[in-house]
């Protein structure tokens, strides 16, 4: 009976509640807005944040951290759970995994120039979508073009 009571009293913590959220504005310097899709303990995400911080004095930009494990970010979890860090500039996919300072500077310059010209930042090909790939695997499709 005691074993049953112990087992019945166990609490399962949902994925989003296991760690504190890392979502929030890291800095606001004007210019292009970068969204860094991340989660607690992601060292590659920390590296990306450090690269972007190193560019702050040269090219003003803002950095928003989006914790994909937050309950209200379930769609981002579905897309990016295997590929963080994922980065957007002004709401458009830019990069995933590792970025260099030169890559960040070039993208920030392109984004700044696009803003000045009244244009949108051009998305980069290859945006990850784990949910789509999982659906394709379940349905037996394995092609890369989504057809």
Protein backbone atom coordinates (compact mmCIF):
# COMPACT_ATOMS: atom_id res chain seq x y z
CA UNK A 1 0.00 0.00 0.00
CA UNK A 2 2.81 2.44 0.78
CA UNK A 3 4.37 1.81 -2.60
CA UNK A 4 1.08 2.64 -4.26
CA UNK A 5 0.74 5.89 -2.31
CA UNK A 6 4.29 6.89 -3.18
CA UNK A 7 3.78 6.18 -6.86
CA UNK A 8 0.46 8.02 -6.88
CA UNK A 9 2.02 11.09 -5.28
CA UNK A 10 4.77 11.51 -7.88
CA UNK A 11 4.49 14.67 -9.90
CA UNK A 12 5.56 14.85 -13.51
CA UNK A 13 6.90 18.25 -14.47
CA UNK A 14 5.98 19.37 -18.01
CA UNK A 15 8.84 20.04 -20.43
CA UNK A 16 8.37 23.82 -20.25
CA UNK A 17 8.53 23.93 -16.45
CA UNK A 18 11.73 21.94 -15.87
CA UNK A 19 13.99 25.00 -16.25
CA UNK A 20 13.54 28.73 -15.96
CA UNK A 21 12.66 30.43 -19.21
CA UNK A 22 15.46 32.23 -20.99
CA UNK A 23 13.04 34.28 -23.12
CA UNK A 24 13.36 38.03 -23.09
CA UNK A 25 15.12 41.02 -24.55
CA UNK A 26 18.89 40.65 -24.17
CA UNK A 27 19.56 44.19 -25.44
CA UNK A 28 17.87 46.97 -27.40
CA UNK A 29 20.24 49.05 -29.51
CA UNK A 30 17.98 49.90 -32.43
CA UNK A 31 18.74 48.68 -35.92
CA UNK A 32 17.85 45.17 -37.05
CA UNK A 33 16.12 42.92 -34.52
CA UNK A 34 17.64 39.48 -34.13
CA UNK A 35 15.60 36.67 -32.59
CA UNK A 36 17.70 33.86 -31.14
CA UNK A 37 15.68 30.66 -30.72
CA UNK A 38 17.26 28.90 -27.76
CA UNK A 39 16.68 27.02 -24.51
CA UNK A 40 18.35 26.71 -21.12
CA UNK A 41 21.76 25.04 -21.28
CA UNK A 42 22.34 25.46 -25.02
CA UNK A 43 26.06 26.21 -25.27
CA UNK A 44 25.95 26.80 -29.05
CA UNK A 45 23.24 29.39 -28.32
CA UNK A 46 25.54 31.05 -25.79
CA UNK A 47 28.28 31.13 -28.44
CA UNK A 48 25.91 32.78 -30.95
CA UNK A 49 24.90 35.36 -28.35
CA UNK A 50 28.58 36.13 -27.67
CA UNK A 51 29.26 36.59 -31.40
CA UNK A 52 26.32 38.98 -31.69
CA UNK A 53 27.42 40.88 -28.59
CA UNK A 54 30.84 41.37 -30.17
CA UNK A 55 29.13 43.10 -33.13
CA UNK A 56 27.08 45.53 -31.02
CA UNK A 57 29.53 48.41 -31.06
CA UNK A 58 30.05 48.20 -34.84
CA UNK A 59 26.48 47.62 -36.00
CA UNK A 60 23.65 48.50 -33.61
CA UNK A 61 21.03 45.78 -33.34
CA UNK A 62 18.61 44.34 -30.82
CA UNK A 63 18.62 40.77 -29.55
CA UNK A 64 15.53 38.93 -28.37
CA UNK A 65 15.88 35.47 -26.86
CA UNK A 66 13.02 33.06 -27.60
CA UNK A 67 12.96 29.98 -25.37
CA UNK A 68 11.49 27.22 -27.53
CA UNK A 69 10.58 25.20 -24.41
CA UNK A 70 8.14 27.86 -23.13
CA UNK A 71 4.52 26.67 -23.23
CA UNK A 72 3.53 29.51 -25.56
CA UNK A 73 6.33 28.62 -28.01
CA UNK A 74 5.16 25.11 -28.87
CA UNK A 75 5.22 25.83 -32.61
CA UNK A 76 8.87 26.96 -32.40
CA UNK A 77 9.68 23.81 -30.40
CA UNK A 78 8.11 21.73 -33.17
CA UNK A 79 10.19 23.43 -35.86
CA UNK A 80 13.54 23.98 -34.16
CA UNK A 81 13.92 21.35 -31.42
CA UNK A 82 16.83 19.62 -33.20
CA UNK A 83 18.56 22.69 -34.63
CA UNK A 84 19.06 25.43 -32.04
CA UNK A 85 20.39 27.96 -32.14
CA UNK A 86 18.21 29.30 -34.93
CA UNK A 87 18.39 33.00 -35.75
CA UNK A 88 15.98 35.36 -37.48
CA UNK A 89 16.63 38.94 -38.53
CA UNK A 90 13.57 41.20 -38.53
CA UNK A 91 11.32 38.13 -38.42
CA UNK A 92 13.02 36.32 -41.31
CA UNK A 93 15.12 33.14 -41.07
CA UNK A 94 18.84 33.85 -41.26
CA UNK A 95 21.02 31.08 -39.77
CA UNK A 96 21.27 28.02 -37.54
CA UNK A 97 23.93 26.34 -35.42
CA UNK A 98 27.27 28.17 -35.55
CA UNK A 99 27.85 31.72 -36.75
CA UNK A 100 31.08 33.66 -37.06
CA UNK A 101 31.58 37.33 -36.35
CA UNK A 102 32.16 37.94 -40.09
CA UNK A 103 28.88 36.19 -40.96
CA UNK A 104 27.01 38.17 -38.32
CA UNK A 105 28.50 41.49 -39.45
CA UNK A 106 27.66 40.78 -43.11
CA UNK A 107 24.07 39.83 -42.27
CA UNK A 108 23.60 42.86 -40.02
CA UNK A 109 24.95 45.15 -42.74
CA UNK A 110 22.56 43.58 -45.30
CA UNK A 111 19.66 43.96 -42.86
CA UNK A 112 20.56 47.59 -42.11
CA UNK A 113 20.87 48.38 -45.83
CA UNK A 114 17.52 46.69 -46.52
CA UNK A 115 15.85 48.78 -43.79
CA UNK A 116 17.32 52.00 -45.22
CA UNK A 117 16.03 51.05 -48.69
CA UNK A 118 12.60 50.18 -47.26
CA UNK A 119 13.02 46.51 -48.12
CA UNK A 120 12.72 43.31 -46.09
CA UNK A 121 15.74 41.23 -45.14
CA UNK A 122 16.07 38.39 -47.66
CA UNK A 123 15.63 34.97 -46.02
CA UNK A 124 18.36 32.36 -46.17
CA UNK A 125 17.55 28.94 -47.62
CA UNK A 126 17.54 25.90 -45.35
CA UNK A 127 15.25 26.90 -42.50
CA UNK A 128 14.81 23.83 -40.29
CA UNK A 129 11.37 22.34 -39.71
CA UNK A 130 11.50 19.22 -37.54
CA UNK A 131 7.70 18.90 -37.42
CA UNK A 132 7.48 18.76 -41.23
CA UNK A 133 10.25 16.17 -41.42
CA UNK A 134 8.56 14.04 -38.75
CA UNK A 135 5.23 14.21 -40.63
CA UNK A 136 6.99 13.14 -43.83
CA UNK A 137 8.68 10.23 -42.07
CA UNK A 138 5.34 9.05 -40.66
CA UNK A 139 3.74 9.22 -44.09
CA UNK A 140 6.67 7.45 -45.76
CA UNK A 141 7.89 10.49 -47.70
CA UNK A 142 11.61 11.10 -47.60
CA UNK A 143 12.16 13.68 -50.32
CA UNK A 144 13.76 17.01 -49.46
CA UNK A 145 11.55 19.31 -51.53
CA UNK A 146 8.37 18.65 -49.53
CA UNK A 147 6.46 17.22 -52.48
